[in-house]
Protein backbone atom coordinates (compact mmCIF):
# COMPACT_ATOMS: atom_id res chain seq x y z
CA UNK A 1 -34.30 -20.64 12.05
CA UNK A 2 -33.53 -24.28 12.63
CA UNK A 3 -31.03 -25.46 15.16
CA UNK A 4 -29.49 -27.73 12.56
CA UNK A 5 -27.81 -25.73 9.83
CA UNK A 6 -25.77 -26.67 6.80
CA UNK A 7 -22.06 -27.27 7.30
CA UNK A 8 -19.31 -26.24 4.96
CA UNK A 9 -16.73 -27.97 2.82
CA UNK A 10 -13.17 -26.75 2.42
CA UNK A 11 -12.07 -26.41 -1.19
CA UNK A 12 -8.48 -27.56 -1.41
CA UNK A 13 -7.67 -26.85 -5.07
CA UNK A 14 -7.52 -22.99 -5.14
CA UNK A 15 -5.59 -22.80 -1.88
CA UNK A 16 -3.07 -25.60 -2.19
CA UNK A 17 -0.16 -23.19 -2.48
CA UNK A 18 -1.23 -21.00 0.46
CA UNK A 19 -2.01 -24.06 2.58
CA UNK A 20 1.45 -25.45 1.91
CA UNK A 21 3.05 -22.13 2.77
CA UNK A 22 1.00 -21.97 5.96
CA UNK A 23 2.12 -25.44 6.98
CA UNK A 24 5.75 -24.65 6.28
CA UNK A 25 5.57 -21.39 8.22
CA UNK A 26 3.81 -23.04 11.15
CA UNK A 27 6.60 -25.59 11.41
CA UNK A 28 9.16 -22.82 11.57
CA UNK A 29 7.45 -20.74 14.25
CA UNK A 30 4.62 -20.85 16.77
CA UNK A 31 1.22 -21.11 15.15
CA UNK A 32 -0.75 -17.89 15.60
CA UNK A 33 -3.94 -16.05 14.77
CA UNK A 34 -1.98 -13.87 12.34
CA UNK A 35 -1.38 -16.85 10.09
CA UNK A 36 -5.07 -17.73 9.93
CA UNK A 37 -5.86 -14.04 9.35
CA UNK A 38 -3.49 -14.07 6.36
CA UNK A 39 -5.50 -16.98 4.94
CA UNK A 40 -8.77 -15.14 5.54
CA UNK A 41 -7.46 -12.00 3.84
CA UNK A 42 -6.23 -14.00 0.85
CA UNK A 43 -9.69 -15.54 0.45
CA UNK A 44 -11.23 -12.08 0.01
CA UNK A 45 -9.73 -11.74 -3.47
CA UNK A 46 -10.62 -15.26 -4.57
CA UNK A 47 -14.00 -16.41 -5.93
CA UNK A 48 -16.17 -17.97 -3.24
CA UNK A 49 -16.20 -21.75 -3.43
CA UNK A 50 -19.65 -23.10 -2.61
CA UNK A 51 -19.50 -26.33 -0.59
CA UNK A 52 -20.41 -29.51 -2.42
CA UNK A 53 -21.79 -32.52 -0.58
CA UNK A 54 -19.76 -35.71 -0.76
CA UNK A 55 -22.26 -37.86 1.12
CA UNK A 56 -23.71 -41.08 -0.32
CA UNK A 57 -27.54 -41.36 -0.12
CA UNK A 58 -27.43 -43.69 2.90
CA UNK A 59 -26.15 -40.72 4.94
CA UNK A 60 -27.61 -37.70 3.15
CA UNK A 61 -31.15 -39.11 3.25
CA UNK A 62 -31.19 -40.35 6.84
CA UNK A 63 -33.64 -39.07 9.43
CA UNK A 64 -32.57 -37.29 12.61
CA UNK A 65 -33.22 -40.36 14.78
CA UNK A 66 -30.82 -42.41 12.66
CA UNK A 67 -28.21 -39.65 12.64
CA UNK A 68 -28.32 -39.58 16.44
CA UNK A 69 -27.43 -43.28 16.45
CA UNK A 70 -23.97 -42.37 15.18
CA UNK A 71 -21.97 -41.73 18.34
CA UNK A 72 -18.23 -41.42 19.01
CA UNK A 73 -16.39 -44.33 20.61
CA UNK A 74 -14.78 -43.24 23.86
CA UNK A 75 -11.86 -45.62 23.37
CA UNK A 76 -11.08 -43.81 20.11
CA UNK A 77 -11.12 -40.26 21.50
CA UNK A 78 -8.24 -38.17 20.22
CA UNK A 79 -5.52 -37.80 22.91
CA UNK A 80 -6.75 -40.95 24.65
CA UNK A 81 -3.07 -41.93 25.00
CA UNK A 82 -1.96 -38.46 26.16
CA UNK A 83 -1.58 -37.24 29.75
CA UNK A 84 -4.14 -34.48 29.40
CA UNK A 85 -7.67 -34.18 30.84
CA UNK A 86 -8.85 -32.89 27.44
CA UNK A 87 -10.03 -35.28 24.74
CA UNK A 88 -11.53 -34.74 21.29
CA UNK A 89 -14.44 -36.59 19.72
CA UNK A 90 -15.95 -35.96 16.31
CA UNK A 91 -19.27 -35.61 14.53
CA UNK A 92 -19.93 -37.83 11.55
CA UNK A 93 -21.43 -36.35 8.41
CA UNK A 94 -25.12 -36.98 7.79
CA UNK A 95 -28.38 -35.24 6.84
CA UNK A 96 -27.65 -31.55 6.16
CA UNK A 97 -24.23 -31.94 7.79
CA UNK A 98 -23.13 -33.05 4.36
CA UNK A 99 -19.63 -31.70 3.70
CA UNK A 100 -16.40 -32.14 5.66
CA UNK A 101 -14.34 -29.67 7.65
CA UNK A 102 -10.59 -30.02 7.89
CA UNK A 103 -9.29 -30.55 11.42
CA UNK A 104 -5.58 -30.26 12.24
CA UNK A 105 -3.64 -30.84 15.42
CA UNK A 106 -0.85 -28.47 16.46
CA UNK A 107 1.99 -30.33 18.21
CA UNK A 108 5.15 -28.39 19.08
CA UNK A 109 4.44 -25.90 16.31
CA UNK A 110 3.90 -28.64 13.71
CA UNK A 111 0.62 -29.35 11.95
CA UNK A 112 -0.87 -32.75 11.28
CA UNK A 113 -4.32 -33.48 9.93
CA UNK A 114 -6.60 -35.59 12.11
CA UNK A 115 -7.71 -38.17 9.60
CA UNK A 116 -11.23 -39.52 9.29
CA UNK A 117 -11.92 -43.11 10.26
CA UNK A 118 -15.16 -45.03 10.63
CA UNK A 119 -13.50 -46.86 13.53
CA UNK A 120 -14.07 -43.76 15.70
CA UNK A 121 -17.87 -44.27 15.68
CA UNK A 122 -20.65 -46.56 16.77
CA UNK A 123 -23.24 -46.68 14.00
CA UNK A 124 -26.16 -48.11 15.98
CA UNK A 125 -27.14 -50.84 13.52
CA UNK A 126 -26.98 -48.65 10.41
CA UNK A 127 -25.86 -50.55 7.31
CA UNK A 128 -23.54 -49.01 4.73
CA UNK A 129 -20.54 -49.78 2.56
CA UNK A 130 -17.47 -48.75 4.53
CA UNK A 131 -15.38 -48.51 1.37
CA UNK A 132 -17.66 -45.83 -0.07
CA UNK A 133 -17.35 -43.72 3.09
CA UNK A 134 -13.64 -44.18 3.76
CA UNK A 135 -12.80 -40.62 2.63
CA UNK A 136 -15.79 -38.72 3.98
CA UNK A 137 -14.39 -36.53 6.74
CA UNK A 138 -15.84 -35.04 9.89
CA UNK A 139 -18.75 -32.61 10.26
CA UNK A 140 -17.40 -31.05 13.46
CA UNK A 141 -15.90 -31.91 16.82
CA UNK A 142 -16.61 -32.16 20.55
CA UNK A 143 -14.37 -31.20 23.45
CA UNK A 144 -14.31 -33.68 26.35
CA UNK A 145 -13.22 -32.62 29.84
CA UNK A 146 -14.03 -33.84 33.42
CA UNK A 147 -15.96 -30.73 34.45
CA UNK A 148 -18.32 -32.45 36.90
CA UNK A 149 -16.16 -35.18 38.48
CA UNK A 150 -12.51 -36.06 38.12
CA UNK A 151 -13.40 -39.62 37.12
CA UNK A 152 -16.06 -38.70 34.52
CA UNK A 153 -15.41 -37.46 30.99
CA UNK A 154 -17.98 -34.81 30.05
CA UNK A 155 -18.66 -33.14 26.74
CA UNK A 156 -18.20 -29.41 27.42
CA UNK A 157 -18.16 -27.95 23.91
CA UNK A 158 -19.77 -28.80 20.59
CA UNK A 159 -18.72 -27.29 17.25
CA UNK A 160 -21.18 -28.32 14.54
CA UNK A 161 -22.95 -26.60 11.68
CA UNK A 162 -21.88 -23.43 9.84
CA UNK A 163 -20.10 -21.32 12.53
CA UNK A 164 -22.21 -22.57 15.45
CA UNK A 165 -20.81 -23.73 18.78
CA UNK A 166 -22.16 -24.47 22.25
CA UNK A 167 -20.45 -24.65 25.65
CA UNK A 168 -21.55 -25.83 29.09
CA UNK A 169 -20.14 -25.68 32.60
CA UNK A 170 -20.58 -27.82 35.69
CA UNK A 171 -24.08 -29.24 36.06
CA UNK A 172 -25.33 -27.62 32.85
CA UNK A 173 -26.92 -29.07 29.70
CA UNK A 174 -26.77 -27.69 26.18
CA UNK A 175 -29.15 -24.88 25.36
CA UNK A 176 -28.48 -21.73 23.35
CA UNK A 177 -25.70 -21.50 20.76
CA UNK A 178 -23.12 -18.92 19.76
CA UNK A 179 -21.86 -18.26 16.23
CA UNK A 180 -18.77 -16.86 14.63
CA UNK A 181 -20.64 -14.33 12.49
CA UNK A 182 -24.17 -13.42 11.36
CA UNK A 183 -24.91 -11.76 8.01
CA UNK A 184 -28.21 -10.09 7.08
CA UNK A 185 -30.27 -11.85 9.74
CA UNK A 186 -34.03 -11.38 9.27
CA UNK A 187 -33.70 -9.47 6.00
CA UNK A 188 -35.95 -10.03 2.98
CA UNK A 189 -32.87 -10.73 0.87
CA UNK A 190 -32.21 -13.80 3.01
CA UNK A 191 -29.67 -14.60 5.71
CA UNK A 192 -26.17 -15.76 4.84
CA UNK A 193 -24.56 -18.34 7.11
CA UNK A 194 -20.75 -18.08 7.16
CA UNK A 195 -19.02 -21.39 7.78
CA UNK A 196 -16.00 -22.54 9.70
CA UNK A 197 -14.15 -24.52 7.04
CA UNK A 198 -10.93 -25.47 8.81
CA UNK A 199 -9.70 -25.88 12.40
CA UNK A 200 -6.30 -26.02 14.06
CA UNK A 201 -6.38 -27.43 17.61
CA UNK A 202 -3.45 -27.09 20.00
CA UNK A 203 -2.66 -30.34 21.78
CA UNK A 204 -2.78 -29.43 25.51
CA UNK A 205 -0.06 -30.41 27.94
CA UNK A 206 -0.73 -32.57 30.98
CA UNK A 207 -1.37 -29.69 33.38
CA UNK A 208 -3.24 -27.39 31.00
CA UNK A 209 -6.64 -26.13 32.14
CA UNK A 210 -7.38 -24.45 28.81
CA UNK A 211 -7.81 -25.63 25.24
CA UNK A 212 -6.77 -23.35 22.37
CA UNK A 213 -7.93 -23.72 18.79
CA UNK A 214 -8.19 -21.62 15.64
CA UNK A 215 -10.79 -21.49 12.89
CA UNK A 216 -11.01 -20.17 9.33
CA UNK A 217 -14.38 -18.72 8.33
CA UNK A 218 -15.63 -18.36 4.76
CA UNK A 219 -18.82 -17.15 3.08
CA UNK A 220 -19.84 -15.33 -0.12
CA UNK A 221 -19.51 -11.90 1.51
CA UNK A 222 -17.10 -12.31 4.41
CA UNK A 223 -14.09 -14.25 5.64
CA UNK A 224 -12.60 -14.46 9.08
CA UNK A 225 -9.93 -15.82 11.39
CA UNK A 226 -10.70 -16.85 14.97
CA UNK A 227 -8.78 -17.87 18.04
CA UNK A 228 -10.74 -19.63 20.79
CA UNK A 229 -9.50 -20.30 24.32
CA UNK A 230 -11.81 -22.59 26.29
CA UNK A 231 -11.61 -22.72 30.09
CA UNK A 232 -14.07 -25.30 31.48
CA UNK A 233 -15.34 -24.85 35.02
CA UNK A 234 -18.31 -24.07 37.21
CA UNK A 235 -19.06 -21.40 34.63
CA UNK A 236 -17.12 -22.23 31.50
CA UNK A 237 -15.48 -19.31 29.73
CA UNK A 238 -14.62 -18.96 26.05
CA UNK A 239 -12.25 -16.18 24.99
CA UNK A 240 -12.66 -15.21 21.34
CA UNK A 241 -10.39 -13.18 19.10
CA UNK A 242 -12.03 -12.48 15.75
CA UNK A 243 -10.52 -10.89 12.64
CA UNK A 244 -13.21 -10.32 10.02
CA UNK A 245 -12.81 -9.23 6.38
CA UNK A 246 -15.67 -8.16 4.13
CA UNK A 247 -15.79 -9.72 0.69
CA UNK A 248 -18.93 -7.98 -0.51
CA UNK A 249 -21.61 -5.55 0.57
CA UNK A 250 -23.33 -6.46 3.84
CA UNK A 251 -26.39 -4.71 5.27
CA UNK A 252 -26.27 -6.26 8.76
CA UNK A 253 -23.03 -7.66 10.11
CA UNK A 254 -23.72 -9.42 13.41
CA UNK A 255 -20.69 -9.65 15.71
CA UNK A 256 -20.64 -12.19 18.58
CA UNK A 257 -24.09 -13.56 17.65
CA UNK A 258 -26.12 -15.69 20.04
CA UNK A 259 -28.97 -17.94 18.90
CA UNK A 260 -31.64 -19.23 21.26
CA UNK A 261 -35.26 -20.36 21.59
CA UNK A 262 -38.29 -18.83 23.30
CA UNK A 263 -41.70 -20.46 22.91
CA UNK A 264 -43.73 -19.35 25.92
CA UNK A 265 -43.52 -18.25 29.54
CA UNK A 266 -45.33 -16.06 32.10
CA UNK A 267 -45.15 -13.01 29.84
CA UNK A 268 -46.59 -14.98 26.91
CA UNK A 269 -48.53 -18.02 27.97
CA UNK A 270 -49.35 -21.07 25.87
CA UNK A 271 -52.77 -21.13 24.24
CA UNK A 272 -52.89 -24.91 24.65
CA UNK A 273 -52.95 -27.05 27.75
CA UNK A 274 -49.38 -27.78 28.76
CA UNK A 275 -48.06 -29.12 32.05
CA UNK A 276 -44.95 -26.98 31.55
CA UNK A 277 -45.34 -23.36 32.68
CA UNK A 278 -42.53 -22.28 30.33
CA UNK A 279 -40.47 -23.55 27.41
CA UNK A 280 -37.39 -21.54 26.52
CA UNK A 281 -33.59 -21.67 26.42
CA UNK A 282 -33.52 -17.94 27.25
CA UNK A 283 -36.17 -15.51 28.42
CA UNK A 284 -34.51 -12.14 28.03
CA UNK A 285 -31.84 -9.96 26.48
CA UNK A 286 -29.61 -8.14 28.97
CA UNK A 287 -27.43 -5.18 27.99
CA UNK A 288 -24.83 -3.20 29.96
CA UNK A 289 -24.28 0.02 28.06
CA UNK A 290 -21.08 1.98 27.80
CA UNK A 291 -22.72 4.67 29.94
CA UNK A 292 -23.31 2.14 32.72
CA UNK A 293 -27.07 1.58 32.30
CA UNK A 294 -28.44 -1.95 32.64
CA UNK A 295 -31.32 -3.00 30.35
CA UNK A 296 -33.58 -6.06 30.38
CA UNK A 297 -35.80 -6.97 27.42
CA UNK A 298 -38.07 -9.99 27.99
CA UNK A 299 -38.38 -12.19 24.90
CA UNK A 300 -41.46 -12.94 22.82
CA UNK A 301 -42.50 -15.48 20.24
CA UNK A 302 -44.12 -12.93 17.90
CA UNK A 303 -46.65 -13.38 15.12
CA UNK A 304 -44.27 -11.69 12.68
CA UNK A 305 -40.52 -11.20 12.59
CA UNK A 306 -39.61 -8.39 14.99
CA UNK A 307 -36.25 -6.58 15.02
CA UNK A 308 -35.35 -4.34 17.98
CA UNK A 309 -32.22 -2.18 18.12
CA UNK A 310 -30.61 -0.68 21.22
CA UNK A 311 -28.04 1.98 20.32
CA UNK A 312 -24.91 1.64 22.46
CA UNK A 313 -21.42 3.09 22.30
CA UNK A 314 -18.68 0.79 23.59
CA UNK A 315 -20.95 -1.85 25.16
CA UNK A 316 -19.72 -3.35 28.41
CA UNK A 317 -21.73 -6.52 27.87
CA UNK A 318 -24.83 -8.16 26.44
CA UNK A 319 -26.32 -11.62 26.42
CA UNK A 320 -29.32 -13.92 26.25
CA UNK A 321 -30.12 -15.04 29.79
CA UNK A 322 -32.25 -17.70 31.44
CA UNK A 323 -33.60 -16.00 34.55
CA UNK A 324 -35.81 -17.70 37.11
CA UNK A 325 -34.32 -21.11 36.51
CA UNK A 326 -36.01 -22.94 39.38
CA UNK A 327 -37.24 -26.36 38.23
CA UNK A 328 -40.79 -25.44 39.26
CA UNK A 329 -40.81 -22.80 36.51
CA UNK A 330 -40.40 -25.50 33.82
CA UNK A 331 -41.41 -28.90 35.27
CA UNK A 332 -39.62 -30.67 32.39
CA UNK A 333 -37.63 -33.74 33.42
CA UNK A 334 -36.66 -34.61 29.85
CA UNK A 335 -35.32 -31.33 28.44
CA UNK A 336 -34.24 -29.68 31.72
CA UNK A 337 -34.61 -26.07 30.64
CA UNK A 338 -33.70 -25.14 34.22
CA UNK A 339 -30.13 -26.39 33.61
CA UNK A 340 -29.50 -24.60 30.31
CA UNK A 341 -26.90 -21.86 30.64
CA UNK A 342 -27.09 -18.18 29.85
CA UNK A 343 -24.45 -16.67 27.57
CA UNK A 344 -22.98 -13.28 28.47
CA UNK A 345 -20.74 -11.47 25.98
CA UNK A 346 -18.04 -9.29 27.57
CA UNK A 347 -16.32 -7.13 24.91
CA UNK A 348 -12.60 -6.47 25.27
CA UNK A 349 -11.53 -2.95 24.38
CA UNK A 350 -13.70 -0.30 22.72
CA UNK A 351 -16.13 -1.46 20.05
CA UNK A 352 -17.20 2.07 19.18
CA UNK A 353 -20.66 3.12 18.03
CA UNK A 354 -23.31 0.60 17.10
CA UNK A 355 -26.26 -1.25 18.52
CA UNK A 356 -27.24 -4.49 20.14
CA UNK A 357 -29.87 -5.96 17.86
CA UNK A 358 -32.51 -8.48 18.88
CA UNK A 359 -34.35 -10.58 16.31
CA UNK A 360 -37.48 -12.50 17.32
CA UNK A 361 -38.90 -14.98 14.79
CA UNK A 362 -42.23 -16.82 14.98
CA UNK A 363 -41.98 -20.52 15.78
CA UNK A 364 -44.60 -23.21 16.30
CA UNK A 365 -42.52 -25.45 18.56
CA UNK A 366 -39.31 -25.68 20.57
CA UNK A 367 -37.29 -27.47 17.87
CA UNK A 368 -36.47 -24.20 16.11
CA UNK A 369 -34.17 -21.44 17.29
CA UNK A 370 -36.16 -18.23 16.88
CA UNK A 371 -34.12 -15.70 18.87
CA UNK A 372 -30.93 -13.99 17.70
CA UNK A 373 -28.89 -11.24 19.39
CA UNK A 374 -25.66 -9.66 18.21
CA UNK A 375 -23.58 -6.47 18.07
CA UNK A 376 -24.14 -4.38 14.93
CA UNK A 377 -21.29 -1.92 14.17
CA UNK A 378 -22.46 1.51 13.05
CA UNK A 379 -19.90 1.60 10.22
CA UNK A 380 -18.24 -1.11 8.17
CA UNK A 381 -14.82 -0.84 6.51
CA UNK A 382 -13.97 -1.30 2.84
CA UNK A 383 -13.40 -4.70 1.29
CA UNK A 384 -10.37 -6.48 2.73
CA UNK A 385 -9.83 -4.07 5.62
CA UNK A 386 -9.68 -6.13 8.83
CA UNK A 387 -12.10 -5.68 11.72
CA UNK A 388 -10.88 -6.86 15.12
CA UNK A 389 -13.33 -7.94 17.83
CA UNK A 390 -12.11 -9.60 21.01
CA UNK A 391 -14.56 -10.78 23.65
CA UNK A 392 -15.26 -13.31 26.36
CA UNK A 393 -18.37 -15.50 26.54
CA UNK A 394 -19.48 -16.57 30.02
CA UNK A 395 -21.68 -19.70 30.00
CA UNK A 396 -23.34 -19.37 33.38
CA UNK A 397 -26.32 -20.30 35.53
CA UNK A 398 -25.51 -17.50 38.00
CA UNK A 399 -27.28 -14.67 36.20
CA UNK A 400 -27.33 -12.45 39.28
CA UNK A 401 -23.52 -12.36 39.38
CA UNK A 402 -23.43 -10.67 35.96
CA UNK A 403 -24.83 -7.47 37.50
CA UNK A 404 -22.23 -7.56 40.31
CA UNK A 405 -24.83 -6.25 42.80
CA UNK A 406 -24.73 -2.85 41.09
CA UNK A 407 -28.51 -2.72 40.70
CA UNK A 408 -31.59 -4.81 41.31
CA UNK A 409 -32.91 -6.88 38.43
CA UNK A 410 -36.14 -8.16 36.92
CA UNK A 411 -36.87 -11.63 38.21
CA UNK A 412 -39.99 -12.21 36.11
CA UNK A 413 -42.62 -10.53 33.98
CA UNK A 414 -46.30 -11.50 33.87
CA UNK A 415 -48.63 -10.46 31.05
CA UNK A 416 -52.36 -10.76 31.71
CA UNK A 417 -55.70 -9.02 31.33
CA UNK A 418 -56.16 -5.91 33.44
CA UNK A 419 -58.68 -6.05 36.27
CA UNK A 420 -60.21 -4.00 39.08
CA UNK A 421 -61.54 -5.17 42.43
CA UNK A 422 -65.16 -4.09 42.87
CA UNK A 423 -66.87 -3.05 46.11
CA UNK A 424 -68.13 -6.64 46.57
CA UNK A 425 -64.48 -7.82 46.26
CA UNK A 426 -65.14 -9.58 42.98
CA UNK A 427 -62.49 -8.86 40.38
CA UNK A 428 -63.70 -7.45 37.10
CA UNK A 429 -61.73 -7.26 33.85
CA UNK A 430 -61.65 -3.68 32.61
CA UNK A 431 -60.37 -4.10 29.03
CA UNK A 432 -56.80 -3.05 29.79
CA UNK A 433 -53.60 -5.02 29.48
CA UNK A 434 -51.76 -5.69 32.74
CA UNK A 435 -48.04 -6.26 33.18
CA UNK A 436 -46.59 -7.35 36.52
CA UNK A 437 -42.85 -6.90 36.96
CA UNK A 438 -40.99 -8.36 39.93
CA UNK A 439 -37.73 -6.63 40.89
CA UNK A 440 -35.28 -8.28 43.28
CA UNK A 441 -31.60 -8.36 44.27
CA UNK A 442 -29.28 -7.22 47.09
CA UNK A 443 -29.48 -3.58 45.99
CA UNK A 444 -33.17 -3.66 46.98
CA UNK A 445 -32.92 -6.03 49.94
CA UNK A 446 -30.40 -3.83 51.77
CA UNK A 447 -32.48 -0.66 51.54
CA UNK A 448 -33.20 0.76 54.99
CA UNK A 449 -36.75 0.44 56.27
CA UNK A 450 -38.94 3.23 55.04
CA UNK A 451 -36.63 4.20 52.18
CA UNK A 452 -38.68 5.92 49.47
CA UNK A 453 -38.93 3.68 46.40
CA UNK A 454 -40.80 4.90 43.33
CA UNK A 455 -41.30 3.60 39.81
CA UNK A 456 -40.28 5.54 36.71
CA UNK A 457 -42.53 4.40 33.87
CA UNK A 458 -42.81 5.46 30.24
CA UNK A 459 -44.91 4.16 27.36
CA UNK A 460 -44.81 4.71 23.61
CA UNK A 461 -47.37 6.64 21.59
CA UNK A 462 -49.37 3.51 20.84
CA UNK A 463 -50.33 3.04 24.49
CA UNK A 464 -51.77 4.89 27.45
CA UNK A 465 -50.68 4.22 31.02
CA UNK A 466 -53.89 3.85 33.07
CA UNK A 467 -52.33 2.95 36.41
CA UNK A 468 -49.00 2.05 38.03
CA UNK A 469 -48.92 0.44 41.45
CA UNK A 470 -45.75 -0.49 43.37
CA UNK A 471 -45.83 -2.76 46.41
CA UNK A 472 -43.28 -4.75 48.42
CA UNK A 473 -42.93 -8.39 47.44
CA UNK A 474 -41.65 -10.12 50.60
CA UNK A 475 -41.63 -13.53 48.86
CA UNK A 476 -38.60 -12.43 46.82
CA UNK A 477 -37.34 -9.70 49.18
CA UNK A 478 -38.10 -7.19 46.45
CA UNK A 479 -40.88 -5.22 44.81
CA UNK A 480 -43.76 -5.81 42.41
CA UNK A 481 -44.76 -3.18 39.88
CA UNK A 482 -48.23 -3.59 38.36
CA UNK A 483 -49.01 -1.63 35.21
CA UNK A 484 -52.37 -1.32 33.51
CA UNK A 485 -52.17 0.02 29.98
CA UNK A 486 -54.59 0.65 27.15
CA UNK A 487 -53.36 -0.21 23.66
CA UNK A 488 -54.61 2.09 20.92
CA UNK A 489 -53.89 -0.20 17.96
CA UNK A 490 -53.15 -3.86 18.68
CA UNK A 491 -51.78 -4.29 15.15
CA UNK A 492 -48.84 -2.08 16.12
CA UNK A 493 -46.05 -2.68 18.63
CA UNK A 494 -46.13 -0.91 21.99
CA UNK A 495 -42.95 -0.11 23.91
CA UNK A 496 -42.79 0.28 27.70
CA UNK A 497 -39.93 1.07 30.07
CA UNK A 498 -39.76 0.99 33.85
CA UNK A 499 -37.19 1.18 36.64
CA UNK A 500 -37.24 1.72 40.40
CA UNK A 501 -35.57 4.75 41.93
CA UNK A 502 -34.99 6.26 45.35
CA UNK A 503 -34.61 9.99 45.03
CA UNK A 504 -32.04 10.54 42.30
CA UNK A 505 -30.53 7.06 42.66
CA UNK A 506 -31.48 4.35 40.16
CA UNK A 507 -32.03 1.14 42.09
CA UNK A 508 -32.70 -1.34 39.29
CA UNK A 509 -31.99 -2.15 35.70
CA UNK A 510 -34.41 -0.74 33.15
CA UNK A 511 -37.21 -3.10 32.16
CA UNK A 512 -37.67 -2.49 28.43
CA UNK A 513 -40.69 -4.40 27.19
CA UNK A 514 -42.38 -4.70 23.83
CA UNK A 515 -45.98 -5.75 23.37
CA UNK A 516 -45.62 -7.10 19.84
CA UNK A 517 -48.28 -6.47 17.17
CA UNK A 518 -51.23 -8.84 17.19
CA UNK A 519 -53.44 -9.88 14.31
CA UNK A 520 -56.85 -11.53 14.31
CA UNK A 521 -55.21 -14.85 13.56
CA UNK A 522 -55.19 -17.00 16.69
CA UNK A 523 -51.73 -18.30 17.57
CA UNK A 524 -51.48 -21.83 18.94
CA UNK A 525 -48.32 -23.10 20.55
């Protein structure tokens, strides 16, 4: 699943009347999510309009390095002449970003389109006929805000490609992405990528600390209306209100999807020499169930597509996290994986029955996103019946704060060959698989001396637990659990679970690990 995905084009002809009515209504009253939802509902009964590229070959055929030469001019940022800390910049069309999105500004309840102009960009020495590109349009937009220093304009949000968007807070760099909607991810029938086709952005006042914008989503089998409220800060927060309408039959409808990358780490080491101990934007899926249980599933780069489902009623939260973000764990000065944020989804209200689904896709390098996580409702309504999902996305580098000191957490997982120490003190591999799990956190550190701490461990039918040893880990003020397991059939997945308890009290989140199936084909990454 590539990080760059095809954008959409808005088809004006079938919706000219409704667009005009929307504009007239918006001028008469405050613009709202209900108006965009009315557009989304109207689209359900209209034939889907497939986007058509309007790019000349000089842009459609360019390589990524040339596309990256096209950068916004800071003196041409939208709202440059306004007394607001927020600014807007735009993405030019190029490569697979080959059809325009409409972008409007909301000013005092009135709508005005933000027109395309080549004067907004530096083109880095690229040569083209400006007349032939005068009506192209934008591929997406960027939100600029001084999140790090008052005198420095930082890009804090990027909206580019299908329904993808990314957000960062203070001191962070872009990593994983969020999406508006996911349809039939990892299914043999093929995934459908809904697209944001039109945006309405509220011009902020001088003292505003938030930016509000709306989006219309369209795809062959679903439409949607979205309201986004961005609050930049130490940890930036994005509040989302989504109204989704089905247009056709959908097998997997992914709500609040997150898309990330995992290549290797301590639980799955590289088979090649690499100075970097780990390469990933995220290394685990965290879930807070409606019943209050905390789960942690370390990520894998599997040999085959793996789909894991965690049944949850009314989830309190889930997200793809980057734990253990010390620089020494990555050693990468160029890509700075240690500064890439986690994304934590906090549902608002009751979402009912469903599951958090994790999709892991094989990848050969770090240029492809191969991890997807989303909420999968247990039941879907009939065509045209609205689904409402409101949630908050926390973009954070303080992963410990997500658990609010309720329980200890898994700091890291190591996967290695099992071994025994012989009488002569020489270690001997015994044919088992070993997993070392480090638990840490205030809930463990504040235990009184001598408090009884025991592991609760379970393993699926494809494995046999040979040994489980728990010992204090003073280096992290926590505990290390060492498991030695025997796998019956390496071509099948093996599930393991573990948590630390003291009497009847659960001290930690549940470590839920999958040893993915292995074939005889040697993976190299």
